[in-house]
C-alpha atoms as a PDB file:
ATOM      1  CA  UNK A   1     -11.210  -5.054  -6.591  1.00  0.00           C
ATOM      2  CA  UNK A   2      -7.862  -6.168  -7.590  1.00  0.00           C
ATOM      3  CA  UNK A   3      -9.346  -9.626  -7.927  1.00  0.00           C
ATOM      4  CA  UNK A   4      -6.934 -12.318  -6.145  1.00  0.00           C
ATOM      5  CA  UNK A   5      -3.235 -11.400  -7.362  1.00  0.00           C
ATOM      6  CA  UNK A   6      -0.245 -13.665  -7.143  1.00  0.00           C
ATOM      7  CA  UNK A   7       1.823 -10.536  -7.420  1.00  0.00           C
ATOM      8  CA  UNK A   8       1.313  -6.861  -6.583  1.00  0.00           C
ATOM      9  CA  UNK A   9       3.229  -3.940  -7.219  1.00  0.00           C
ATOM     10  CA  UNK A  10       3.558  -0.771  -4.824  1.00  0.00           C
ATOM     11  CA  UNK A  11       4.128   2.285  -6.794  1.00  0.00           C
ATOM     12  CA  UNK A  12       5.073   5.286  -4.756  1.00  0.00           C
ATOM     13  CA  UNK A  13       5.136   9.255  -6.389  1.00  0.00           C
ATOM     14  CA  UNK A  14       6.875  11.313  -3.601  1.00  0.00           C
ATOM     15  CA  UNK A  15       6.292  14.941  -4.614  1.00  0.00           C
ATOM     16  CA  UNK A  16       2.223  14.229  -4.615  1.00  0.00           C
ATOM     17  CA  UNK A  17       2.419  11.546  -1.616  1.00  0.00           C
ATOM     18  CA  UNK A  18       0.448   9.160  -3.521  1.00  0.00           C
ATOM     19  CA  UNK A  19       0.805   5.035  -2.901  1.00  0.00           C
ATOM     20  CA  UNK A  20      -0.453   3.050  -5.283  1.00  0.00           C
ATOM     21  CA  UNK A  21      -1.120  -0.901  -5.563  1.00  0.00           C
ATOM     22  CA  UNK A  22      -1.858  -2.633  -8.675  1.00  0.00           C
ATOM     23  CA  UNK A  23      -1.275  -6.115 -10.316  1.00  0.00           C
ATOM     24  CA  UNK A  24       2.312  -7.181 -10.833  1.00  0.00           C
ATOM     25  CA  UNK A  25       3.259 -10.463 -12.578  1.00  0.00           C
ATOM     26  CA  UNK A  26       6.348 -12.771 -12.104  1.00  0.00           C
ATOM     27  CA  UNK A  27       8.645 -11.261 -14.589  1.00  0.00           C
ATOM     28  CA  UNK A  28       8.824  -7.818 -12.669  1.00  0.00           C
ATOM     29  CA  UNK A  29      11.591  -8.114  -9.949  1.00  0.00           C
ATOM     30  CA  UNK A  30       9.748  -5.396  -8.238  1.00  0.00           C
ATOM     31  CA  UNK A  31       6.220  -7.222  -7.784  1.00  0.00           C
ATOM     32  CA  UNK A  32       5.865  -8.799  -4.226  1.00  0.00           C
ATOM     33  CA  UNK A  33       4.518 -12.176  -4.119  1.00  0.00           C
ATOM     34  CA  UNK A  34       1.636 -12.761  -2.383  1.00  0.00           C
ATOM     35  CA  UNK A  35       1.287 -15.921  -0.677  1.00  0.00           C
ATOM     36  CA  UNK A  36      -2.600 -16.912  -0.426  1.00  0.00           C
ATOM     37  CA  UNK A  37      -2.201 -19.900   1.703  1.00  0.00           C
ATOM     38  CA  UNK A  38      -0.546 -18.246   4.786  1.00  0.00           C
ATOM     39  CA  UNK A  39      -3.149 -15.393   4.918  1.00  0.00           C
ATOM     40  CA  UNK A  40      -5.728 -15.663   7.690  1.00  0.00           C
ATOM     41  CA  UNK A  41      -9.195 -15.499   5.919  1.00  0.00           C
ATOM     42  CA  UNK A  42     -10.664 -13.497   9.210  1.00  0.00           C
ATOM     43  CA  UNK A  43      -8.191 -10.672   8.715  1.00  0.00           C
ATOM     44  CA  UNK A  44      -7.243 -10.510   5.129  1.00  0.00           C
ATOM     45  CA  UNK A  45      -3.982  -9.417   5.368  1.00  0.00           C
ATOM     46  CA  UNK A  46      -0.478 -10.293   4.613  1.00  0.00           C
ATOM     47  CA  UNK A  47       2.986  -9.121   5.096  1.00  0.00           C
ATOM     48  CA  UNK A  48       5.736  -7.566   2.752  1.00  0.00           C
ATOM     49  CA  UNK A  49       9.567  -8.196   3.402  1.00  0.00           C
ATOM     50  CA  UNK A  50      10.650  -5.418   1.593  1.00  0.00           C
ATOM     51  CA  UNK A  51      13.255  -3.978   3.515  1.00  0.00           C
ATOM     52  CA  UNK A  52      13.771  -1.039   0.772  1.00  0.00           C
ATOM     53  CA  UNK A  53      10.337  -0.579   0.852  1.00  0.00           C
ATOM     54  CA  UNK A  54       9.510  -0.144   4.070  1.00  0.00           C
ATOM     55  CA  UNK A  55      12.975   2.066   4.929  1.00  0.00           C
ATOM     56  CA  UNK A  56      11.820   4.239   1.763  1.00  0.00           C
ATOM     57  CA  UNK A  57       7.646   4.663   3.480  1.00  0.00           C
ATOM     58  CA  UNK A  58       9.151   5.301   6.813  1.00  0.00           C
ATOM     59  CA  UNK A  59      11.869   8.204   5.495  1.00  0.00           C
ATOM     60  CA  UNK A  60       9.413   9.710   3.306  1.00  0.00           C
ATOM     61  CA  UNK A  61       6.021   9.456   5.375  1.00  0.00           C
ATOM     62  CA  UNK A  62       6.396   8.743   9.113  1.00  0.00           C
ATOM     63  CA  UNK A  63       9.354  10.928   9.816  1.00  0.00           C
ATOM     64  CA  UNK A  64       7.570  13.855   8.055  1.00  0.00           C
ATOM     65  CA  UNK A  65       4.020  12.859   9.909  1.00  0.00           C
ATOM     66  CA  UNK A  66       5.761  12.470  13.315  1.00  0.00           C
ATOM     67  CA  UNK A  67       3.162   9.238  14.006  1.00  0.00           C
ATOM     68  CA  UNK A  68       3.823   6.013  13.778  1.00  0.00           C
ATOM     69  CA  UNK A  69       0.435   4.664  12.669  1.00  0.00           C
ATOM     70  CA  UNK A  70      -1.688   6.058  10.077  1.00  0.00           C
ATOM     71  CA  UNK A  71      -4.453   5.115   8.001  1.00  0.00           C
ATOM     72  CA  UNK A  72      -5.856   6.290   4.710  1.00  0.00           C
ATOM     73  CA  UNK A  73      -8.963   5.573   2.314  1.00  0.00           C
ATOM     74  CA  UNK A  74      -8.045   4.667  -1.404  1.00  0.00           C
ATOM     75  CA  UNK A  75      -9.568   5.011  -4.679  1.00  0.00           C
ATOM     76  CA  UNK A  76      -9.799   2.127  -7.121  1.00  0.00           C
ATOM     77  CA  UNK A  77      -9.063   3.082 -10.929  1.00  0.00           C
ATOM     78  CA  UNK A  78     -10.409  -0.242 -12.944  1.00  0.00           C
ATOM     79  CA  UNK A  79      -8.556   0.940 -16.142  1.00  0.00           C
ATOM     80  CA  UNK A  80      -5.447   0.659 -14.386  1.00  0.00           C
ATOM     81  CA  UNK A  81      -6.705  -1.838 -11.982  1.00  0.00           C
ATOM     82  CA  UNK A  82      -4.786   0.049  -9.283  1.00  0.00           C
ATOM     83  CA  UNK A  83      -5.916   1.237  -5.781  1.00  0.00           C
ATOM     84  CA  UNK A  84      -4.587   4.961  -5.060  1.00  0.00           C
ATOM     85  CA  UNK A  85      -4.154   6.124  -1.881  1.00  0.00           C
ATOM     86  CA  UNK A  86      -3.756  10.145  -1.103  1.00  0.00           C
ATOM     87  CA  UNK A  87      -1.172   9.940   1.917  1.00  0.00           C
ATOM     88  CA  UNK A  88      -1.249  13.606   2.229  1.00  0.00           C
ATOM     89  CA  UNK A  89      -5.189  12.924   3.242  1.00  0.00           C
ATOM     90  CA  UNK A  90      -3.430  10.071   5.784  1.00  0.00           C
ATOM     91  CA  UNK A  91      -4.560  10.232   9.878  1.00  0.00           C
ATOM     92  CA  UNK A  92      -3.719   8.912  12.735  1.00  0.00           C
ATOM     93  CA  UNK A  93      -5.498   5.516  13.336  1.00  0.00           C
ATOM     94  CA  UNK A  94      -8.083   6.617  16.143  1.00  0.00           C
ATOM     95  CA  UNK A  95      -8.658   9.755  14.601  1.00  0.00           C
ATOM     96  CA  UNK A  96     -12.567  10.209  13.228  1.00  0.00           C
ATOM     97  CA  UNK A  97     -12.434  12.306   9.980  1.00  0.00           C
ATOM     98  CA  UNK A  98     -10.979  10.931   7.132  1.00  0.00           C
ATOM     99  CA  UNK A  99     -12.002  12.427   3.488  1.00  0.00           C
END
């Protein structure tokens, strides 16, 4: 989908409760660098250290839902090379139904 980008960009639409992740670049100060060498290949996950991003998501999403751990299904849009999550459809981890 996104390939193995060196930088990614998080885009948030608060009004529509959308979170998009797309390829970023070194020249964009809002892009987050992915350190592929430190990623455990079995889990395919990495950590981002953006206090502003985390505080914004916590204020916007976690406080309105009352949950601390949510999951959401993303949709890939090839033209913009973005994955978009509709967080209004997010459900607590362990709950079975996701659209």
